[in-house]
Amino acid sequence: RLMHETVARWGRIDVLANVVGGTIWWQPYHRYTEDQIDSE
């Protein structure tokens, strides 16, 4: 829907900056398990 609404308004998409972020677990990176990293 995001893509369709953009194209409907301006006819195209030139740049896609995927900045949205977040994590399931809030901890320093070195404390993440391999399974947690894979899940992210």
Full PDB file with SEQRES, HELIX, SHEET, SSBOND, CRYST1, ORIGX, SCALE, CONECT and MASTER records, all heavy atoms in Angstrom:
SEQRES   1 A   40  ARG LEU MET HIS GLU THR VAL ALA ARG TRP GLY ARG ILE          
SEQRES   2 A   40  ASP VAL LEU ALA ASN VAL VAL GLY GLY THR ILE TRP TRP          
SEQRES   3 A   40  GLN PRO TYR HIS ARG TYR THR GLU ASP GLN ILE ASP SER          
SEQRES   4 A   40  GLU                                                          
HELIX    1 AA1 LEU A    2  TRP A   10  1                                   9    
HELIX    2 AA2 TYR A   29  ARG A   31  5                                   3    
HELIX    3 AA3 GLU A   34  SER A   39  1                                   6    
CRYST1    1.000    1.000    1.000  90.00  90.00  90.00 P 1           1          
ORIGX1      1.000000  0.000000  0.000000        0.00000                         
ORIGX2      0.000000  1.000000  0.000000        0.00000                         
ORIGX3      0.000000  0.000000  1.000000        0.00000                         
SCALE1      1.000000  0.000000  0.000000        0.00000                         
SCALE2      0.000000  1.000000  0.000000        0.00000                         
SCALE3      0.000000  0.000000  1.000000        0.00000                         
ATOM      1  N   ARG A   1       0.831  -1.205   0.000  1.00  0.00           N  
ATOM      2  CA  ARG A   1       0.000   0.000   0.000  1.00  0.00           C  
ATOM      3  C   ARG A   1       0.865   1.255   0.000  1.00  0.00           C  
ATOM      4  O   ARG A   1       0.581   2.230  -0.710  1.00  0.00           O  
ATOM      5  CB  ARG A   1      -0.948   0.002   1.205  1.00  0.00           C  
ATOM      6  CG  ARG A   1      -1.898   1.195   1.223  1.00  0.00           C  
ATOM      7  CD  ARG A   1      -2.905   1.093   2.355  1.00  0.00           C  
ATOM      8  NE  ARG A   1      -2.329   0.928   3.673  1.00  0.00           N  
ATOM      9  CZ  ARG A   1      -1.789   1.912   4.391  1.00  0.00           C  
ATOM     10  NH1 ARG A   1      -1.734   3.144   3.904  1.00  0.00           N  
ATOM     11  NH2 ARG A   1      -1.300   1.664   5.599  1.00  0.00           N  
ATOM     12  N   LEU A   2       1.950   1.245   0.749  1.00  0.00           N  
ATOM     13  CA  LEU A   2       2.885   2.375   0.757  1.00  0.00           C  
ATOM     14  C   LEU A   2       3.397   2.650  -0.655  1.00  0.00           C  
ATOM     15  O   LEU A   2       3.405   3.800  -1.116  1.00  0.00           O  
ATOM     16  CB  LEU A   2       4.057   2.087   1.701  1.00  0.00           C  
ATOM     17  CG  LEU A   2       5.271   3.014   1.606  1.00  0.00           C  
ATOM     18  CD1 LEU A   2       4.900   4.449   1.967  1.00  0.00           C  
ATOM     19  CD2 LEU A   2       6.396   2.482   2.488  1.00  0.00           C  
ATOM     20  N   MET A   3       3.803   1.600  -1.343  1.00  0.00           N  
ATOM     21  CA  MET A   3       4.310   1.765  -2.707  1.00  0.00           C  
ATOM     22  C   MET A   3       3.218   2.295  -3.638  1.00  0.00           C  
ATOM     23  O   MET A   3       3.437   3.219  -4.409  1.00  0.00           O  
ATOM     24  CB  MET A   3       4.848   0.438  -3.245  1.00  0.00           C  
ATOM     25  CG  MET A   3       5.943  -0.194  -2.429  1.00  0.00           C  
ATOM     26  SD  MET A   3       7.358   0.875  -2.255  1.00  0.00           S  
ATOM     27  CE  MET A   3       8.036   0.218  -0.749  1.00  0.00           C  
ATOM     28  N   HIS A   4       2.033   1.723  -3.533  1.00  0.00           N  
ATOM     29  CA  HIS A   4       0.926   2.135  -4.404  1.00  0.00           C  
ATOM     30  C   HIS A   4       0.519   3.583  -4.150  1.00  0.00           C  
ATOM     31  O   HIS A   4       0.277   4.331  -5.107  1.00  0.00           O  
ATOM     32  CB  HIS A   4      -0.267   1.200  -4.244  1.00  0.00           C  
ATOM     33  CG  HIS A   4      -0.033  -0.175  -4.782  1.00  0.00           C  
ATOM     34  ND1 HIS A   4       0.220  -0.430  -6.113  1.00  0.00           N  
ATOM     35  CD2 HIS A   4       0.021  -1.376  -4.154  1.00  0.00           C  
ATOM     36  CE1 HIS A   4       0.405  -1.723  -6.292  1.00  0.00           C  
ATOM     37  NE2 HIS A   4       0.303  -2.319  -5.119  1.00  0.00           N  
ATOM     38  N   GLU A   5       0.443   3.999  -2.880  1.00  0.00           N  
ATOM     39  CA  GLU A   5       0.065   5.380  -2.572  1.00  0.00           C  
ATOM     40  C   GLU A   5       1.112   6.365  -3.079  1.00  0.00           C  
ATOM     41  O   GLU A   5       0.774   7.448  -3.558  1.00  0.00           O  
ATOM     42  CB  GLU A   5      -0.169   5.561  -1.070  1.00  0.00           C  
ATOM     43  CG  GLU A   5      -1.450   4.931  -0.603  1.00  0.00           C  
ATOM     44  CD  GLU A   5      -1.787   5.246   0.845  1.00  0.00           C  
ATOM     45  OE1 GLU A   5      -1.388   6.327   1.344  1.00  0.00           O  
ATOM     46  OE2 GLU A   5      -2.451   4.412   1.479  1.00  0.00           O  
ATOM     47  N   THR A   6       2.373   5.986  -2.985  1.00  0.00           N  
ATOM     48  CA  THR A   6       3.441   6.850  -3.482  1.00  0.00           C  
ATOM     49  C   THR A   6       3.340   7.016  -4.989  1.00  0.00           C  
ATOM     50  O   THR A   6       3.394   8.134  -5.511  1.00  0.00           O  
ATOM     51  CB  THR A   6       4.820   6.275  -3.097  1.00  0.00           C  
ATOM     52  OG1 THR A   6       4.900   6.169  -1.668  1.00  0.00           O  
ATOM     53  CG2 THR A   6       5.941   7.152  -3.616  1.00  0.00           C  
ATOM     54  N   VAL A   7       3.190   5.909  -5.696  1.00  0.00           N  
ATOM     55  CA  VAL A   7       3.089   5.963  -7.159  1.00  0.00           C  
ATOM     56  C   VAL A   7       1.820   6.702  -7.584  1.00  0.00           C  
ATOM     57  O   VAL A   7       1.835   7.477  -8.544  1.00  0.00           O  
ATOM     58  CB  VAL A   7       3.168   4.548  -7.763  1.00  0.00           C  
ATOM     59  CG1 VAL A   7       2.853   4.558  -9.255  1.00  0.00           C  
ATOM     60  CG2 VAL A   7       4.552   3.947  -7.502  1.00  0.00           C  
ATOM     61  N   ALA A   8       0.728   6.520  -6.844  1.00  0.00           N  
ATOM     62  CA  ALA A   8      -0.512   7.229  -7.178  1.00  0.00           C  
ATOM     63  C   ALA A   8      -0.321   8.742  -7.055  1.00  0.00           C  
ATOM     64  O   ALA A   8      -0.868   9.506  -7.849  1.00  0.00           O  
ATOM     65  CB  ALA A   8      -1.645   6.762  -6.265  1.00  0.00           C  
ATOM     66  N   ARG A   9       0.459   9.181  -6.073  1.00  0.00           N  
ATOM     67  CA  ARG A   9       0.666  10.622  -5.853  1.00  0.00           C  
ATOM     68  C   ARG A   9       1.684  11.203  -6.816  1.00  0.00           C  
ATOM     69  O   ARG A   9       1.482  12.254  -7.397  1.00  0.00           O  
ATOM     70  CB  ARG A   9       1.098  10.852  -4.405  1.00  0.00           C  
ATOM     71  CG  ARG A   9       1.584  12.244  -4.066  1.00  0.00           C  
ATOM     72  CD  ARG A   9       0.446  13.180  -3.700  1.00  0.00           C  
ATOM     73  NE  ARG A   9       0.891  14.514  -3.413  1.00  0.00           N  
ATOM     74  CZ  ARG A   9       1.123  15.002  -2.205  1.00  0.00           C  
ATOM     75  NH1 ARG A   9       0.941  14.251  -1.140  1.00  0.00           N  
ATOM     76  NH2 ARG A   9       1.525  16.236  -2.054  1.00  0.00           N  
ATOM     77  N   TRP A  10       2.849  10.525  -6.967  1.00  0.00           N  
ATOM     78  CA  TRP A  10       3.950  11.125  -7.723  1.00  0.00           C  
ATOM     79  C   TRP A  10       4.400  10.314  -8.937  1.00  0.00           C  
ATOM     80  O   TRP A  10       5.358  10.686  -9.601  1.00  0.00           O  
ATOM     81  CB  TRP A  10       5.116  11.415  -6.807  1.00  0.00           C  
ATOM     82  CG  TRP A  10       4.872  12.631  -5.957  1.00  0.00           C  
ATOM     83  CD1 TRP A  10       4.390  13.834  -6.382  1.00  0.00           C  
ATOM     84  CD2 TRP A  10       5.101  12.760  -4.572  1.00  0.00           C  
ATOM     85  NE1 TRP A  10       4.299  14.701  -5.317  1.00  0.00           N  
ATOM     86  CE2 TRP A  10       4.742  14.065  -4.186  1.00  0.00           C  
ATOM     87  CE3 TRP A  10       5.579  11.897  -3.591  1.00  0.00           C  
ATOM     88  CZ2 TRP A  10       4.839  14.538  -2.897  1.00  0.00           C  
ATOM     89  CZ3 TRP A  10       5.684  12.365  -2.301  1.00  0.00           C  
ATOM     90  CH2 TRP A  10       5.316  13.674  -1.959  1.00  0.00           C  
ATOM     91  N   GLY A  11       3.770   9.193  -9.217  1.00  0.00           N  
ATOM     92  CA  GLY A  11       4.038   8.466 -10.442  1.00  0.00           C  
ATOM     93  C   GLY A  11       5.241   7.550 -10.444  1.00  0.00           C  
ATOM     94  O   GLY A  11       5.441   6.802 -11.392  1.00  0.00           O  
ATOM     95  N   ARG A  12       6.023   7.582  -9.393  1.00  0.00           N  
ATOM     96  CA  ARG A  12       7.217   6.736  -9.368  1.00  0.00           C  
ATOM     97  C   ARG A  12       7.842   6.749  -7.978  1.00  0.00           C  
ATOM     98  O   ARG A  12       7.444   7.516  -7.115  1.00  0.00           O  
ATOM     99  CB  ARG A  12       8.247   7.215 -10.381  1.00  0.00           C  
ATOM    100  CG  ARG A  12       8.832   8.571 -10.060  1.00  0.00           C  
ATOM    101  CD  ARG A  12       9.787   9.044 -11.151  1.00  0.00           C  
ATOM    102  NE  ARG A  12      10.555  10.168 -10.699  1.00  0.00           N  
ATOM    103  CZ  ARG A  12      10.113  11.414 -10.646  1.00  0.00           C  
ATOM    104  NH1 ARG A  12       8.874  11.699 -10.997  1.00  0.00           N  
ATOM    105  NH2 ARG A  12      10.895  12.387 -10.214  1.00  0.00           N  
ATOM    106  N   ILE A  13       8.860   5.913  -7.802  1.00  0.00           N  
ATOM    107  CA  ILE A  13       9.684   5.887  -6.596  1.00  0.00           C  
ATOM    108  C   ILE A  13      11.128   5.901  -7.066  1.00  0.00           C  
ATOM    109  O   ILE A  13      11.530   5.051  -7.862  1.00  0.00           O  
ATOM    110  CB  ILE A  13       9.414   4.632  -5.744  1.00  0.00           C  
ATOM    111  CG1 ILE A  13       7.958   4.602  -5.284  1.00  0.00           C  
ATOM    112  CG2 ILE A  13      10.373   4.572  -4.554  1.00  0.00           C  
ATOM    113  CD1 ILE A  13       7.517   3.254  -4.731  1.00  0.00           C  
ATOM    114  N   ASP A  14      11.899   6.874  -6.597  1.00  0.00           N  
ATOM    115  CA  ASP A  14      13.302   6.968  -6.988  1.00  0.00           C  
ATOM    116  C   ASP A  14      14.252   6.505  -5.887  1.00  0.00           C  
ATOM    117  O   ASP A  14      15.317   5.970  -6.177  1.00  0.00           O  
ATOM    118  CB  ASP A  14      13.659   8.418  -7.360  1.00  0.00           C  
ATOM    119  CG  ASP A  14      12.844   8.924  -8.520  1.00  0.00           C  
ATOM    120  OD1 ASP A  14      12.869   8.288  -9.586  1.00  0.00           O  
ATOM    121  OD2 ASP A  14      12.165   9.968  -8.371  1.00  0.00           O  
ATOM    122  N   VAL A  15      13.883   6.761  -4.638  1.00  0.00           N  
ATOM    123  CA  VAL A  15      14.766   6.472  -3.512  1.00  0.00           C  
ATOM    124  C   VAL A  15      13.953   5.775  -2.430  1.00  0.00           C  
ATOM    125  O   VAL A  15      12.834   6.192  -2.123  1.00  0.00           O  
ATOM    126  CB  VAL A  15      15.361   7.780  -2.926  1.00  0.00           C  
ATOM    127  CG1 VAL A  15      16.211   7.499  -1.695  1.00  0.00           C  
ATOM    128  CG2 VAL A  15      16.166   8.523  -3.981  1.00  0.00           C  
ATOM    129  N   LEU A  16      14.516   4.712  -1.863  1.00  0.00           N  
ATOM    130  CA  LEU A  16      13.895   4.026  -0.739  1.00  0.00           C  
ATOM    131  C   LEU A  16      14.921   3.941   0.379  1.00  0.00           C  
ATOM    132  O   LEU A  16      15.919   3.233   0.262  1.00  0.00           O  
ATOM    133  CB  LEU A  16      13.433   2.625  -1.145  1.00  0.00           C  
ATOM    134  CG  LEU A  16      12.815   1.757  -0.067  1.00  0.00           C  
ATOM    135  CD1 LEU A  16      11.596   2.432   0.547  1.00  0.00           C  
ATOM    136  CD2 LEU A  16      12.448   0.397  -0.638  1.00  0.00           C  
ATOM    137  N   ALA A  17      14.704   4.717   1.442  1.00  0.00           N  
ATOM    138  CA  ALA A  17      15.601   4.719   2.595  1.00  0.00           C  
ATOM    139  C   ALA A  17      14.913   3.966   3.728  1.00  0.00           C  
ATOM    140  O   ALA A  17      13.973   4.461   4.341  1.00  0.00           O  
ATOM    141  CB  ALA A  17      15.924   6.149   3.013  1.00  0.00           C  
ATOM    142  N   ASN A  18      15.369   2.748   3.982  1.00  0.00           N  
ATOM    143  CA  ASN A  18      14.801   1.910   5.039  1.00  0.00           C  
ATOM    144  C   ASN A  18      15.501   2.213   6.353  1.00  0.00           C  
ATOM    145  O   ASN A  18      16.520   1.624   6.674  1.00  0.00           O  
ATOM    146  CB  ASN A  18      14.960   0.423   4.683  1.00  0.00           C  
ATOM    147  CG  ASN A  18      14.105   0.037   3.512  1.00  0.00           C  
ATOM    148  OD1 ASN A  18      12.938   0.360   3.469  1.00  0.00           O  
ATOM    149  ND2 ASN A  18      14.699  -0.633   2.554  1.00  0.00           N  
ATOM    150  N   VAL A  19      14.925   3.146   7.097  1.00  0.00           N  
ATOM    151  CA  VAL A  19      15.550   3.587   8.335  1.00  0.00           C  
ATOM    152  C   VAL A  19      14.810   3.050   9.552  1.00  0.00           C  
ATOM    153  O   VAL A  19      15.350   3.048  10.647  1.00  0.00           O  
ATOM    154  CB  VAL A  19      15.616   5.140   8.395  1.00  0.00           C  
ATOM    155  CG1 VAL A  19      16.396   5.620   9.599  1.00  0.00           C  
ATOM    156  CG2 VAL A  19      16.246   5.692   7.116  1.00  0.00           C  
ATOM    157  N   VAL A  20      13.588   2.576   9.349  1.00  0.00           N  
ATOM    158  CA  VAL A  20      12.811   2.063  10.474  1.00  0.00           C  
ATOM    159  C   VAL A  20      13.617   1.002  11.195  1.00  0.00           C  
ATOM    160  O   VAL A  20      14.326   0.206  10.584  1.00  0.00           O  
ATOM    161  CB  VAL A  20      11.444   1.521  10.000  1.00  0.00           C  
ATOM    162  CG1 VAL A  20      11.592   0.289   9.157  1.00  0.00           C  
ATOM    163  CG2 VAL A  20      10.540   1.253  11.173  1.00  0.00           C  
ATOM    164  N   GLY A  21      13.548   1.038  12.499  1.00  0.00           N  
ATOM    165  CA  GLY A  21      14.364   0.100  13.254  1.00  0.00           C  
ATOM    166  C   GLY A  21      13.673  -0.329  14.529  1.00  0.00           C  
ATOM    167  O   GLY A  21      12.491  -0.086  14.731  1.00  0.00           O  
ATOM    168  N   GLY A  22      14.433  -0.926  15.358  1.00  0.00           N  
ATOM    169  CA  GLY A  22      13.891  -1.406  16.613  1.00  0.00           C  
ATOM    170  C   GLY A  22      14.367  -2.818  16.833  1.00  0.00           C  
ATOM    171  O   GLY A  22      14.977  -3.433  15.964  1.00  0.00           O  
ATOM    172  N   THR A  23      14.084  -3.306  17.992  1.00  0.00           N  
ATOM    173  CA  THR A  23      14.514  -4.648  18.323  1.00  0.00           C  
ATOM    174  C   THR A  23      13.541  -5.264  19.308  1.00  0.00           C  
ATOM    175  O   THR A  23      12.831  -4.551  20.017  1.00  0.00           O  
ATOM    176  CB  THR A  23      15.948  -4.647  18.900  1.00  0.00           C  
ATOM    177  OG1 THR A  23      16.343  -5.996  19.155  1.00  0.00           O  
ATOM    178  CG2 THR A  23      16.064  -3.838  20.169  1.00  0.00           C  
ATOM    179  N   ILE A  24      13.498  -6.556  19.316  1.00  0.00           N  
ATOM    180  CA  ILE A  24      12.654  -7.265  20.273  1.00  0.00           C  
ATOM    181  C   ILE A  24      13.266  -7.158  21.670  1.00  0.00           C  
ATOM    182  O   ILE A  24      12.573  -6.983  22.655  1.00  0.00           O  
ATOM    183  CB  ILE A  24      12.516  -8.746  19.872  1.00  0.00           C  
ATOM    184  CG1 ILE A  24      11.831  -8.875  18.513  1.00  0.00           C  
ATOM    185  CG2 ILE A  24      11.744  -9.526  20.925  1.00  0.00           C  
ATOM    186  CD1 ILE A  24      11.865 -10.276  17.939  1.00  0.00           C  
ATOM    187  N   TRP A  25      14.578  -7.253  21.730  1.00  0.00           N  
ATOM    188  CA  TRP A  25      15.286  -7.269  23.006  1.00  0.00           C  
ATOM    189  C   TRP A  25      16.124  -6.003  23.135  1.00  0.00           C  
ATOM    190  O   TRP A  25      16.824  -5.611  22.204  1.00  0.00           O  
ATOM    191  CB  TRP A  25      16.199  -8.488  23.079  1.00  0.00           C  
ATOM    192  CG  TRP A  25      15.445  -9.757  22.857  1.00  0.00           C  
ATOM    193  CD1 TRP A  25      14.714 -10.446  23.773  1.00  0.00           C  
ATOM    194  CD2 TRP A  25      15.332 -10.486  21.629  1.00  0.00           C  
ATOM    195  NE1 TRP A  25      14.148 -11.551  23.196  1.00  0.00           N  
ATOM    196  CE2 TRP A  25      14.516 -11.606  21.875  1.00  0.00           C  
ATOM    197  CE3 TRP A  25      15.837 -10.299  20.350  1.00  0.00           C  
ATOM    198  CZ2 TRP A  25      14.197 -12.532  20.908  1.00  0.00           C  
ATOM    199  CZ3 TRP A  25      15.511 -11.216  19.376  1.00  0.00           C  
ATOM    200  CH2 TRP A  25      14.707 -12.314  19.658  1.00  0.00           C  
ATOM    201  N   TRP A  26      16.093  -5.357  24.290  1.00  0.00           N  
ATOM    202  CA  TRP A  26      16.878  -4.142  24.526  1.00  0.00           C  
ATOM    203  C   TRP A  26      18.069  -4.510  25.396  1.00  0.00           C  
ATOM    204  O   TRP A  26      17.949  -4.677  26.601  1.00  0.00           O  
ATOM    205  CB  TRP A  26      16.019  -3.084  25.224  1.00  0.00           C  
ATOM    206  CG  TRP A  26      14.916  -2.637  24.348  1.00  0.00           C  
ATOM    207  CD1 TRP A  26      13.633  -3.106  24.331  1.00  0.00           C  
ATOM    208  CD2 TRP A  26      14.993  -1.681  23.308  1.00  0.00           C  
ATOM    209  NE1 TRP A  26      12.912  -2.490  23.351  1.00  0.00           N  
ATOM    210  CE2 TRP A  26      13.728  -1.595  22.709  1.00  0.00           C  
ATOM    211  CE3 TRP A  26      16.009  -0.868  22.810  1.00  0.00           C  
ATOM    212  CZ2 TRP A  26      13.442  -0.748  21.653  1.00  0.00           C  
ATOM    213  CZ3 TRP A  26      15.733  -0.018  21.767  1.00  0.00           C  
ATOM    214  CH2 TRP A  26      14.459   0.035  21.199  1.00  0.00           C  
ATOM    215  N   GLN A  27      19.216  -4.654  24.765  1.00  0.00           N  
ATOM    216  CA  GLN A  27      20.439  -5.015  25.477  1.00  0.00           C  
ATOM    217  C   GLN A  27      21.630  -4.692  24.584  1.00  0.00           C  
ATOM    218  O   GLN A  27      21.470  -4.518  23.383  1.00  0.00           O  
ATOM    219  CB  GLN A  27      20.419  -6.504  25.831  1.00  0.00           C  
ATOM    220  CG  GLN A  27      20.353  -7.433  24.636  1.00  0.00           C  
ATOM    221  CD  GLN A  27      20.056  -8.866  25.019  1.00  0.00           C  
ATOM    222  OE1 GLN A  27      19.918  -9.180  26.190  1.00  0.00           O  
ATOM    223  NE2 GLN A  27      19.947  -9.741  24.050  1.00  0.00           N  
ATOM    224  N   PRO A  28      22.812  -4.605  25.154  1.00  0.00           N  
ATOM    225  CA  PRO A  28      23.991  -4.388  24.311  1.00  0.00           C  
ATOM    226  C   PRO A  28      24.165  -5.527  23.315  1.00  0.00           C  
ATOM    227  O   PRO A  28      23.846  -6.684  23.608  1.00  0.00           O  
ATOM    228  CB  PRO A  28      25.145  -4.373  25.315  1.00  0.00           C  
ATOM    229  CG  PRO A  28      24.513  -4.044  26.629  1.00  0.00           C  
ATOM    230  CD  PRO A  28      23.127  -4.634  26.576  1.00  0.00           C  
ATOM    231  N   TYR A  29      24.673  -5.202  22.144  1.00  0.00           N  
ATOM    232  CA  TYR A  29      24.783  -6.181  21.060  1.00  0.00           C  
ATOM    233  C   TYR A  29      25.547  -7.431  21.480  1.00  0.00           C  
ATOM    234  O   TYR A  29      25.156  -8.541  21.123  1.00  0.00           O  
ATOM    235  CB  TYR A  29      25.452  -5.534  19.844  1.00  0.00           C  
ATOM    236  CG  TYR A  29      25.533  -6.477  18.673  1.00  0.00           C  
ATOM    237  CD1 TYR A  29      24.427  -6.722  17.877  1.00  0.00           C  
ATOM    238  CD2 TYR A  29      26.725  -7.152  18.378  1.00  0.00           C  
ATOM    239  CE1 TYR A  29      24.482  -7.601  16.811  1.00  0.00           C  
ATOM    240  CE2 TYR A  29      26.787  -8.038  17.314  1.00  0.00           C  
ATOM    241  CZ  TYR A  29      25.674  -8.254  16.532  1.00  0.00           C  
ATOM    242  OH  TYR A  29      25.735  -9.127  15.492  1.00  0.00           O  
ATOM    243  N   HIS A  30      26.620  -7.275  22.236  1.00  0.00           N  
ATOM    244  CA  HIS A  30      27.435  -8.436  22.588  1.00  0.00           C  
ATOM    245  C   HIS A  30      26.696  -9.434  23.478  1.00  0.00           C  
ATOM    246  O   HIS A  30      27.150 -10.563  23.651  1.00  0.00           O  
ATOM    247  CB  HIS A  30      28.754  -7.991  23.240  1.00  0.00           C  
ATOM    248  CG  HIS A  30      28.598  -7.413  24.612  1.00  0.00           C  
ATOM    249  ND1 HIS A  30      28.230  -6.103  24.805  1.00  0.00           N  
ATOM    250  CD2 HIS A  30      28.748  -7.969  25.827  1.00  0.00           C  
ATOM    251  CE1 HIS A  30      28.171  -5.862  26.106  1.00  0.00           C  
ATOM    252  NE2 HIS A  30      28.475  -6.975  26.743  1.00  0.00           N  
ATOM    253  N   ARG A  31      25.542  -9.055  24.004  1.00  0.00           N  
ATOM    254  CA  ARG A  31      24.763  -9.974  24.837  1.00  0.00           C  
ATOM    255  C   ARG A  31      23.677 -10.728  24.055  1.00  0.00           C  
ATOM    256  O   ARG A  31      22.997 -11.568  24.600  1.00  0.00           O  
ATOM    257  CB  ARG A  31      24.124  -9.213  25.995  1.00  0.00           C  
ATOM    258  CG  ARG A  31      25.164  -8.722  26.978  1.00  0.00           C  
ATOM    259  CD  ARG A  31      24.528  -8.194  28.206  1.00  0.00           C  
ATOM    260  NE  ARG A  31      25.573  -7.763  29.129  1.00  0.00           N  
ATOM    261  CZ  ARG A  31      25.381  -6.958  30.136  1.00  0.00           C  
ATOM    262  NH1 ARG A  31      24.159  -6.502  30.377  1.00  0.00           N  
ATOM    263  NH2 ARG A  31      26.368  -6.612  30.911  1.00  0.00           N  
ATOM    264  N   TYR A  32      23.507 -10.412  22.787  1.00  0.00           N  
ATOM    265  CA  TYR A  32      22.524 -11.117  21.980  1.00  0.00           C  
ATOM    266  C   TYR A  32      23.003 -12.533  21.689  1.00  0.00           C  
ATOM    267  O   TYR A  32      24.168 -12.763  21.404  1.00  0.00           O  
ATOM    268  CB  TYR A  32      22.315 -10.410  20.633  1.00  0.00           C  
ATOM    269  CG  TYR A  32      21.402  -9.226  20.696  1.00  0.00           C  
ATOM    270  CD1 TYR A  32      21.778  -8.061  21.343  1.00  0.00           C  
ATOM    271  CD2 TYR A  32      20.153  -9.266  20.097  1.00  0.00           C  
ATOM    272  CE1 TYR A  32      20.938  -6.971  21.397  1.00  0.00           C  
ATOM    273  CE2 TYR A  32      19.304  -8.183  20.142  1.00  0.00           C  
ATOM    274  CZ  TYR A  32      19.705  -7.035  20.801  1.00  0.00           C  
ATOM    275  OH  TYR A  32      18.872  -5.968  20.850  1.00  0.00           O  
ATOM    276  N   THR A  33      22.068 -13.479  21.728  1.00  0.00           N  
ATOM    277  CA  THR A  33      22.403 -14.841  21.325  1.00  0.00           C  
ATOM    278  C   THR A  33      22.308 -14.923  19.805  1.00  0.00           C  
ATOM    279  O   THR A  33      21.694 -14.066  19.154  1.00  0.00           O  
ATOM    280  CB  THR A  33      21.421 -15.861  21.942  1.00  0.00           C  
ATOM    281  OG1 THR A  33      20.128 -15.653  21.368  1.00  0.00           O  
ATOM    282  CG2 THR A  33      21.360 -15.736  23.460  1.00  0.00           C  
ATOM    283  N   GLU A  34      22.857 -15.977  19.261  1.00  0.00           N  
ATOM    284  CA  GLU A  34      22.768 -16.173  17.811  1.00  0.00           C  
ATOM    285  C   GLU A  34      21.309 -16.304  17.366  1.00  0.00           C  
ATOM    286  O   GLU A  34      20.913 -15.768  16.336  1.00  0.00           O  
ATOM    287  CB  GLU A  34      23.568 -17.412  17.409  1.00  0.00           C  
ATOM    288  CG  GLU A  34      23.675 -17.578  15.912  1.00  0.00           C  
ATOM    289  CD  GLU A  34      24.616 -18.704  15.521  1.00  0.00           C  
ATOM    290  OE1 GLU A  34      25.506 -19.065  16.307  1.00  0.00           O  
ATOM    291  OE2 GLU A  34      24.440 -19.221  14.403  1.00  0.00           O  
ATOM    292  N   ASP A  35      20.494 -16.982  18.155  1.00  0.00           N  
ATOM    293  CA  ASP A  35      19.072 -17.117  17.820  1.00  0.00           C  
ATOM    294  C   ASP A  35      18.359 -15.769  17.821  1.00  0.00           C  
ATOM    295  O   ASP A  35      17.503 -15.507  16.972  1.00  0.00           O  
ATOM    296  CB  ASP A  35      18.374 -18.067  18.795  1.00  0.00           C  
ATOM    297  CG  ASP A  35      18.752 -19.523  18.572  1.00  0.00           C  
ATOM    298  OD1 ASP A  35      19.240 -19.853  17.464  1.00  0.00           O  
ATOM    299  OD2 ASP A  35      18.552 -20.319  19.503  1.00  0.00           O  
ATOM    300  N   GLN A  36      18.686 -14.893  18.771  1.00  0.00           N  
ATOM    301  CA  GLN A  36      18.072 -13.573  18.815  1.00  0.00           C  
ATOM    302  C   GLN A  36      18.458 -12.746  17.588  1.00  0.00           C  
ATOM    303  O   GLN A  36      17.620 -12.070  16.997  1.00  0.00           O  
ATOM    304  CB  GLN A  36      18.461 -12.840  20.097  1.00  0.00           C  
ATOM    305  CG  GLN A  36      17.811 -13.400  21.331  1.00  0.00           C  
ATOM    306  CD  GLN A  36      18.356 -12.786  22.602  1.00  0.00           C  
ATOM    307  OE1 GLN A  36      19.532 -12.450  22.704  1.00  0.00           O  
ATOM    308  NE2 GLN A  36      17.481 -12.654  23.600  1.00  0.00           N  
ATOM    309  N   ILE A  37      19.702 -12.822  17.192  1.00  0.00           N  
ATOM    310  CA  ILE A  37      20.158 -12.090  16.006  1.00  0.00           C  
ATOM    311  C   ILE A  37      19.445 -12.621  14.769  1.00  0.00           C  
ATOM    312  O   ILE A  37      18.946 -11.854  13.939  1.00  0.00           O  
ATOM    313  CB  ILE A  37      21.688 -12.172  15.854  1.00  0.00           C  
ATOM    314  CG1 ILE A  37      22.360 -11.406  16.999  1.00  0.00           C  
ATOM    315  CG2 ILE A  37      22.134 -11.626  14.492  1.00  0.00           C  
ATOM    316  CD1 ILE A  37      23.847 -11.637  17.113  1.00  0.00           C  
ATOM    317  N   ASP A  38      19.358 -13.936  14.633  1.00  0.00           N  
ATOM    318  CA  ASP A  38      18.646 -14.531  13.493  1.00  0.00           C  
ATOM    319  C   ASP A  38      17.184 -14.084  13.467  1.00  0.00           C  
ATOM    320  O   ASP A  38      16.640 -13.764  12.408  1.00  0.00           O  
ATOM    321  CB  ASP A  38      18.727 -16.056  13.532  1.00  0.00           C  
ATOM    322  CG  ASP A  38      20.101 -16.584  13.178  1.00  0.00           C  
ATOM    323  OD1 ASP A  38      20.915 -15.816  12.606  1.00  0.00           O  
ATOM    324  OD2 ASP A  38      20.371 -17.760  13.479  1.00  0.00           O  
ATOM    325  N   SER A  39      16.551 -14.049  14.625  1.00  0.00           N  
ATOM    326  CA  SER A  39      15.155 -13.628  14.707  1.00  0.00           C  
ATOM    327  C   SER A  39      14.988 -12.183  14.248  1.00  0.00           C  
ATOM    328  O   SER A  39      14.048 -11.848  13.527  1.00  0.00           O  
ATOM    329  CB  SER A  39      14.647 -13.788  16.138  1.00  0.00           C  
ATOM    330  OG  SER A  39      13.326 -13.346  16.241  1.00  0.00           O  
ATOM    331  N   GLU A  40      15.894 -11.317  14.646  1.00  0.00           N  
ATOM    332  CA  GLU A  40      15.849  -9.915  14.228  1.00  0.00           C  
ATOM    333  C   GLU A  40      16.013  -9.792  12.714  1.00  0.00           C  
ATOM    334  O   GLU A  40      15.317  -9.020  12.070  1.00  0.00           O  
ATOM    335  CB  GLU A  40      16.936  -9.090  14.916  1.00  0.00           C  
ATOM    336  CG  GLU A  40      16.673  -8.819  16.368  1.00  0.00           C  
ATOM    337  CD  GLU A  40      15.455  -7.940  16.596  1.00  0.00           C  
ATOM    338  OE1 GLU A  40      15.238  -6.972  15.821  1.00  0.00           O  
ATOM    339  OE2 GLU A  40      14.715  -8.213  17.544  1.00  0.00           O  
TER     340      GLU A  40                                                      
MASTER        0    0    0    3    0    0    0    6  339    1    0    4          
END                                                                             
